[in-house]
C-alpha atoms as a PDB file:
ATOM      1  CA  MET A   1     129.533 203.352 -38.168  1.00  0.00           C
ATOM      2  CA  LYS A   2     127.605 201.905 -41.109  1.00  0.00           C
ATOM      3  CA  ARG A   3     129.961 198.938 -41.126  1.00  0.00           C
ATOM      4  CA  LYS A   4     129.362 198.252 -37.425  1.00  0.00           C
ATOM      5  CA  LEU A   5     125.626 198.478 -37.969  1.00  0.00           C
ATOM      6  CA  ALA A   6     125.821 196.025 -40.910  1.00  0.00           C
ATOM      7  CA  ILE A   7     127.786 193.537 -38.787  1.00  0.00           C
ATOM      8  CA  LEU A   8     125.274 193.832 -35.948  1.00  0.00           C
ATOM      9  CA  LEU A   9     122.320 193.409 -38.306  1.00  0.00           C
ATOM     10  CA  GLY A  10     123.998 190.414 -39.979  1.00  0.00           C
ATOM     11  CA  GLY A  11     124.596 188.801 -36.598  1.00  0.00           C
ATOM     12  CA  ALA A  12     121.008 189.408 -35.547  1.00  0.00           C
ATOM     13  CA  MET A  13     119.731 187.822 -38.759  1.00  0.00           C
ATOM     14  CA  VAL A  14     121.900 184.723 -38.222  1.00  0.00           C
ATOM     15  CA  LEU A  15     120.611 184.406 -34.639  1.00  0.00           C
ATOM     16  CA  ALA A  16     117.012 184.802 -35.815  1.00  0.00           C
ATOM     17  CA  ALA A  17     117.526 182.111 -38.456  1.00  0.00           C
ATOM     18  CA  CYS A  18     118.908 179.765 -35.818  1.00  0.00           C
ATOM     19  CA  ALA A  19     115.951 180.397 -33.559  1.00  0.00           C
ATOM     20  CA  THR A  20     113.448 179.404 -36.286  1.00  0.00           C
ATOM     21  CA  ASN A  21     115.173 176.073 -37.175  1.00  0.00           C
ATOM     22  CA  PRO A  22     113.358 173.102 -35.581  1.00  0.00           C
ATOM     23  CA  PRO A  23     115.301 171.244 -32.911  1.00  0.00           C
ATOM     24  CA  PRO A  24     116.970 167.998 -34.043  1.00  0.00           C
ATOM     25  CA  PRO A  25     114.785 164.912 -33.634  1.00  0.00           C
ATOM     26  CA  PRO A  26     115.327 162.830 -30.493  1.00  0.00           C
ATOM     27  CA  PRO A  27     117.649 159.830 -30.939  1.00  0.00           C
ATOM     28  CA  ALA A  28     115.945 156.616 -32.040  1.00  0.00           C
ATOM     29  CA  PRO A  29     115.266 154.162 -29.212  1.00  0.00           C
ATOM     30  CA  PRO A  30     117.801 151.352 -29.011  1.00  0.00           C
ATOM     31  CA  ALA A  31     116.878 148.124 -30.802  1.00  0.00           C
ATOM     32  CA  PRO A  32     115.171 145.683 -28.446  1.00  0.00           C
ATOM     33  CA  MET A  33     117.565 143.261 -26.831  1.00  0.00           C
ATOM     34  CA  VAL A  34     117.227 139.680 -28.100  1.00  0.00           C
ATOM     35  CA  ASP A  35     117.367 137.133 -25.312  1.00  0.00           C
ATOM     36  CA  PRO A  36     120.158 134.776 -26.443  1.00  0.00           C
ATOM     37  CA  ASN A  37     118.548 131.947 -24.470  1.00  0.00           C
ATOM     38  CA  ASN A  38     115.071 132.293 -25.983  1.00  0.00           C
ATOM     39  CA  PRO A  39     114.688 129.439 -28.515  1.00  0.00           C
ATOM     40  CA  LEU A  40     112.178 131.486 -30.572  1.00  0.00           C
ATOM     41  CA  PHE A  41     114.944 133.949 -31.527  1.00  0.00           C
ATOM     42  CA  ALA A  42     117.666 132.837 -33.929  1.00  0.00           C
ATOM     43  CA  PRO A  43     120.628 133.025 -31.470  1.00  0.00           C
ATOM     44  CA  GLY A  44     118.878 130.890 -28.852  1.00  0.00           C
ATOM     45  CA  PHE A  45     117.444 128.486 -31.410  1.00  0.00           C
ATOM     46  CA  LEU A  46     120.789 127.981 -33.163  1.00  0.00           C
ATOM     47  CA  SER A  47     122.593 127.478 -29.866  1.00  0.00           C
ATOM     48  CA  GLN A  48     120.091 124.890 -28.613  1.00  0.00           C
ATOM     49  CA  ALA A  49     119.642 123.124 -31.966  1.00  0.00           C
ATOM     50  CA  GLY A  50     123.411 123.046 -32.514  1.00  0.00           C
ATOM     51  CA  SER A  51     124.000 121.573 -29.071  1.00  0.00           C
ATOM     52  CA  ALA A  52     121.302 118.922 -29.577  1.00  0.00           C
ATOM     53  CA  ASN A  53     122.796 118.031 -32.951  1.00  0.00           C
ATOM     54  CA  GLN A  54     126.320 117.785 -31.533  1.00  0.00           C
ATOM     55  CA  TRP A  55     125.004 115.562 -28.749  1.00  0.00           C
ATOM     56  CA  GLU A  56     123.396 113.150 -31.206  1.00  0.00           C
ATOM     57  CA  ILE A  57     126.696 112.772 -33.054  1.00  0.00           C
ATOM     58  CA  ALA A  58     128.897 112.517 -29.938  1.00  0.00           C
ATOM     59  CA  SER A  59     126.605 110.035 -28.154  1.00  0.00           C
ATOM     60  CA  SER A  60     126.409 107.879 -31.287  1.00  0.00           C
ATOM     61  CA  GLN A  61     130.197 107.882 -31.689  1.00  0.00           C
ATOM     62  CA  LEU A  62     130.331 106.708 -28.076  1.00  0.00           C
ATOM     63  CA  ALA A  63     127.838 103.933 -28.928  1.00  0.00           C
ATOM     64  CA  LEU A  64     130.143 102.664 -31.662  1.00  0.00           C
ATOM     65  CA  GLN A  65     132.851 102.221 -29.014  1.00  0.00           C
ATOM     66  CA  ALA A  66     130.701 100.828 -26.193  1.00  0.00           C
ATOM     67  CA  SER A  67     128.131  98.597 -27.897  1.00  0.00           C
ATOM     68  CA  GLN A  68     128.435  95.229 -29.606  1.00  0.00           C
ATOM     69  CA  ASN A  69     124.720  95.189 -30.515  1.00  0.00           C
ATOM     70  CA  ALA A  70     124.362  95.325 -34.313  1.00  0.00           C
ATOM     71  CA  ALA A  71     121.017  97.177 -34.124  1.00  0.00           C
ATOM     72  CA  VAL A  72     122.476  99.826 -31.805  1.00  0.00           C
ATOM     73  CA  ARG A  73     125.547 100.244 -34.009  1.00  0.00           C
ATOM     74  CA  ASN A  74     123.446 100.588 -37.184  1.00  0.00           C
ATOM     75  CA  TYR A  75     121.234 103.174 -35.479  1.00  0.00           C
ATOM     76  CA  ALA A  76     124.290 105.083 -34.232  1.00  0.00           C
ATOM     77  CA  ASN A  77     125.769 105.195 -37.753  1.00  0.00           C
ATOM     78  CA  LEU A  78     122.439 106.463 -39.129  1.00  0.00           C
ATOM     79  CA  LEU A  79     122.308 109.255 -36.525  1.00  0.00           C
ATOM     80  CA  ILE A  80     125.892 110.346 -37.218  1.00  0.00           C
ATOM     81  CA  SER A  81     125.133 110.566 -40.951  1.00  0.00           C
ATOM     82  CA  ASP A  82     121.721 112.257 -40.643  1.00  0.00           C
ATOM     83  CA  HIS A  83     122.731 114.758 -37.961  1.00  0.00           C
ATOM     84  CA  THR A  84     125.929 115.715 -39.792  1.00  0.00           C
ATOM     85  CA  ARG A  85     123.747 116.512 -42.819  1.00  0.00           C
ATOM     86  CA  LEU A  86     121.169 118.324 -40.657  1.00  0.00           C
ATOM     87  CA  GLY A  87     123.879 120.516 -39.122  1.00  0.00           C
ATOM     88  CA  ALA A  88     125.050 121.523 -42.611  1.00  0.00           C
ATOM     89  CA  GLN A  89     121.459 122.342 -43.679  1.00  0.00           C
ATOM     90  CA  VAL A  90     120.821 124.572 -40.646  1.00  0.00           C
ATOM     91  CA  THR A  91     124.180 126.318 -41.144  1.00  0.00           C
ATOM     92  CA  ALA A  92     123.309 126.990 -44.804  1.00  0.00           C
ATOM     93  CA  ALA A  93     119.887 128.373 -43.804  1.00  0.00           C
ATOM     94  CA  ALA A  94     121.490 130.674 -41.215  1.00  0.00           C
ATOM     95  CA  GLN A  95     124.053 131.937 -43.727  1.00  0.00           C
ATOM     96  CA  SER A  96     121.349 132.597 -46.343  1.00  0.00           C
ATOM     97  CA  ALA A  97     119.502 134.731 -43.782  1.00  0.00           C
ATOM     98  CA  GLY A  98     122.661 136.574 -42.695  1.00  0.00           C
ATOM     99  CA  VAL A  99     122.517 135.089 -39.190  1.00  0.00           C
ATOM    100  CA  MET A 100     125.784 134.229 -37.481  1.00  0.00           C
ATOM    101  CA  MET A 101     126.086 130.597 -36.371  1.00  0.00           C
ATOM    102  CA  PRO A 102     127.412 130.110 -32.839  1.00  0.00           C
ATOM    103  CA  PRO A 103     130.496 127.885 -32.607  1.00  0.00           C
ATOM    104  CA  PRO A 104     129.519 124.234 -32.136  1.00  0.00           C
ATOM    105  CA  ALA A 105     129.371 123.464 -28.438  1.00  0.00           C
ATOM    106  CA  LEU A 106     127.408 121.317 -26.018  1.00  0.00           C
ATOM    107  CA  LEU A 107     125.210 123.238 -23.604  1.00  0.00           C
ATOM    108  CA  PRO A 108     125.395 122.121 -19.940  1.00  0.00           C
ATOM    109  CA  ALA A 109     122.318 119.849 -20.162  1.00  0.00           C
ATOM    110  CA  GLN A 110     123.675 117.951 -23.175  1.00  0.00           C
ATOM    111  CA  GLN A 111     127.165 117.793 -21.681  1.00  0.00           C
ATOM    112  CA  ALA A 112     125.720 116.267 -18.493  1.00  0.00           C
ATOM    113  CA  ALA A 113     123.713 113.721 -20.528  1.00  0.00           C
ATOM    114  CA  LEU A 114     126.830 112.737 -22.476  1.00  0.00           C
ATOM    115  CA  ASP A 115     128.875 112.410 -19.275  1.00  0.00           C
ATOM    116  CA  GLN A 116     126.154 110.213 -17.791  1.00  0.00           C
ATOM    117  CA  LEU A 117     126.163 107.993 -20.884  1.00  0.00           C
ATOM    118  CA  ARG A 118     129.940 107.633 -20.601  1.00  0.00           C
ATOM    119  CA  THR A 119     129.492 106.111 -17.139  1.00  0.00           C
ATOM    120  CA  ALA A 120     126.883 103.587 -18.352  1.00  0.00           C
ATOM    121  CA  GLY A 121     129.507 100.928 -18.992  1.00  0.00           C
ATOM    122  CA  THR A 122     129.451  98.716 -22.065  1.00  0.00           C
ATOM    123  CA  GLY A 123     127.343  95.970 -23.580  1.00  0.00           C
ATOM    124  CA  PRO A 124     123.642  95.635 -22.696  1.00  0.00           C
ATOM    125  CA  THR A 125     123.880  98.155 -19.831  1.00  0.00           C
ATOM    126  CA  PHE A 126     125.121 100.812 -22.238  1.00  0.00           C
ATOM    127  CA  ASP A 127     122.573  99.820 -24.896  1.00  0.00           C
ATOM    128  CA  MET A 128     119.651 100.379 -22.512  1.00  0.00           C
ATOM    129  CA  ALA A 129     121.023 103.764 -21.393  1.00  0.00           C
ATOM    130  CA  TYR A 130     121.723 104.857 -24.990  1.00  0.00           C
ATOM    131  CA  ARG A 131     118.231 103.876 -26.162  1.00  0.00           C
ATOM    132  CA  GLN A 132     116.563 105.849 -23.344  1.00  0.00           C
ATOM    133  CA  ALA A 133     118.863 108.847 -23.852  1.00  0.00           C
ATOM    134  CA  GLN A 134     117.968 108.935 -27.566  1.00  0.00           C
ATOM    135  CA  ILE A 135     114.238 108.803 -26.813  1.00  0.00           C
ATOM    136  CA  ASP A 136     114.563 111.696 -24.349  1.00  0.00           C
ATOM    137  CA  ALA A 137     116.823 113.759 -26.629  1.00  0.00           C
ATOM    138  CA  HIS A 138     114.640 113.323 -29.709  1.00  0.00           C
ATOM    139  CA  ASN A 139     111.465 114.246 -27.805  1.00  0.00           C
ATOM    140  CA  GLN A 140     113.154 117.487 -26.697  1.00  0.00           C
ATOM    141  CA  ALA A 141     114.610 118.226 -30.147  1.00  0.00           C
ATOM    142  CA  ILE A 142     111.257 117.668 -31.879  1.00  0.00           C
ATOM    143  CA  GLN A 143     109.603 120.096 -29.447  1.00  0.00           C
ATOM    144  CA  LEU A 144     112.337 122.689 -30.107  1.00  0.00           C
ATOM    145  CA  MET A 145     111.922 122.358 -33.888  1.00  0.00           C
ATOM    146  CA  GLN A 146     108.109 122.442 -33.781  1.00  0.00           C
ATOM    147  CA  ASN A 147     108.088 125.586 -31.619  1.00  0.00           C
ATOM    148  CA  TYR A 148     110.565 127.415 -33.851  1.00  0.00           C
ATOM    149  CA  ALA A 149     108.895 126.253 -37.082  1.00  0.00           C
ATOM    150  CA  SER A 150     105.605 127.784 -35.914  1.00  0.00           C
ATOM    151  CA  SER A 151     106.826 130.909 -34.063  1.00  0.00           C
ATOM    152  CA  GLY A 152     110.512 131.532 -34.827  1.00  0.00           C
ATOM    153  CA  ASP A 153     111.809 134.910 -35.960  1.00  0.00           C
ATOM    154  CA  VAL A 154     113.796 134.039 -39.134  1.00  0.00           C
ATOM    155  CA  PRO A 155     111.834 132.554 -42.079  1.00  0.00           C
ATOM    156  CA  ALA A 156     114.768 130.563 -43.522  1.00  0.00           C
ATOM    157  CA  LEU A 157     115.404 128.944 -40.145  1.00  0.00           C
ATOM    158  CA  ARG A 158     111.678 128.248 -39.653  1.00  0.00           C
ATOM    159  CA  THR A 159     111.763 126.316 -42.937  1.00  0.00           C
ATOM    160  CA  ALA A 160     114.892 124.383 -41.899  1.00  0.00           C
ATOM    161  CA  ALA A 161     113.283 123.502 -38.562  1.00  0.00           C
ATOM    162  CA  ALA A 162     110.095 122.301 -40.238  1.00  0.00           C
ATOM    163  CA  GLN A 163     112.100 120.149 -42.666  1.00  0.00           C
ATOM    164  CA  ALA A 164     114.029 118.518 -39.793  1.00  0.00           C
ATOM    165  CA  ILE A 165     110.933 117.351 -37.900  1.00  0.00           C
ATOM    166  CA  PRO A 166     110.012 114.259 -40.010  1.00  0.00           C
ATOM    167  CA  MET A 167     113.572 112.927 -39.812  1.00  0.00           C
ATOM    168  CA  MET A 168     113.659 113.406 -36.046  1.00  0.00           C
ATOM    169  CA  GLN A 169     110.277 111.718 -35.640  1.00  0.00           C
ATOM    170  CA  MET A 170     111.612 108.752 -37.614  1.00  0.00           C
ATOM    171  CA  HIS A 171     114.693 108.623 -35.359  1.00  0.00           C
ATOM    172  CA  LEU A 172     112.444 108.688 -32.283  1.00  0.00           C
ATOM    173  CA  GLN A 173     110.349 105.765 -33.569  1.00  0.00           C
ATOM    174  CA  GLN A 174     113.500 103.802 -34.392  1.00  0.00           C
ATOM    175  CA  ALA A 175     114.884 104.423 -30.899  1.00  0.00           C
ATOM    176  CA  GLN A 176     111.623 103.247 -29.327  1.00  0.00           C
ATOM    177  CA  MET A 177     111.771 100.024 -31.376  1.00  0.00           C
ATOM    178  CA  LEU A 178     115.500  99.471 -30.811  1.00  0.00           C
ATOM    179  CA  ASN A 179     115.980  95.866 -29.736  1.00  0.00           C
ATOM    180  CA  VAL A 180     118.200  96.015 -26.692  1.00  0.00           C
ATOM    181  CA  ALA A 181     118.274  93.230 -24.137  1.00  0.00           C
ATOM    182  CA  PRO A 182     118.381  94.157 -20.471  1.00  0.00           C
ATOM    183  CA  PRO A 183     121.634  93.196 -18.789  1.00  0.00           C
ATOM    184  CA  PRO A 184     121.577  89.660 -17.356  1.00  0.00           C
ATOM    185  CA  PRO A 185     120.901  89.459 -13.615  1.00  0.00           C
ATOM    186  CA  PRO A 186     123.982  88.802 -11.476  1.00  0.00           C
ATOM    187  CA  MET A 187     124.497  85.100 -10.880  1.00  0.00           C
ATOM    188  CA  ALA A 188     123.853  83.945  -7.348  1.00  0.00           C
ATOM    189  CA  ALA A 189     126.840  82.407  -5.710  1.00  0.00           C
ATOM    190  CA  PRO A 190     126.360  78.670  -5.068  1.00  0.00           C
ATOM    191  CA  MET A 191     125.689  77.783  -1.463  1.00  0.00           C
ATOM    192  CA  PRO A 192     128.744  76.177   0.082  1.00  0.00           C
ATOM    193  CA  GLY A 193     128.057  72.522   0.900  1.00  0.00           C
ATOM    194  CA  HIS A 194     129.650  70.345   3.552  1.00  0.00           C
ATOM    195  CA  ALA A 195     132.015  67.660   2.380  1.00  0.00           C
ATOM    196  CA  GLY A 196     130.529  64.161   2.664  1.00  0.00           C
ATOM    197  CA  GLU A 197     127.011  65.539   3.267  1.00  0.00           C
ATOM    198  CA  ARG A 198     124.344  63.310   1.765  1.00  0.00           C
ATOM    199  CA  GLY A 199     121.217  64.802   0.307  1.00  0.00           C
END
């Protein structure tokens, strides 16, 4: 009987101890979702900056095939060199901050701009289209970099964005001053004359 009583008392004490333990804390709220398209967050910024950078290189490689203008070709070579270096700098900044770089890819807007440039033909027609495309692209890229440099979420990437701005501004000025001649107007066909007609 004493043994039964001891077991019952022991059980009651365990139950009482359980009743006085505080309940477990509620689970922590999930981390806020980062909008992958927002260019002020690293994933969106890296995706958009990477696409813009790829476009500069691809469009300039196209210029080397389609243009005979020495100024256009020199500018294209400069962009390929500078934007290859810029891509490496942004990748290094992302790695130092532990941020994963998205695979290099053109976003739909840049892909459409590249496709449009491919249909611009060759010679002066291409040169005019390339010059305007570079002005538009650099204006957009400068805006992207300025916004991230002032309000972006990763300090190392903010620094990389700020460092890219002067180079891009220089590229924009060079594009604006690029000496490209408009394509010559189509020649009018000579009016057919009548044989033996005297004028």
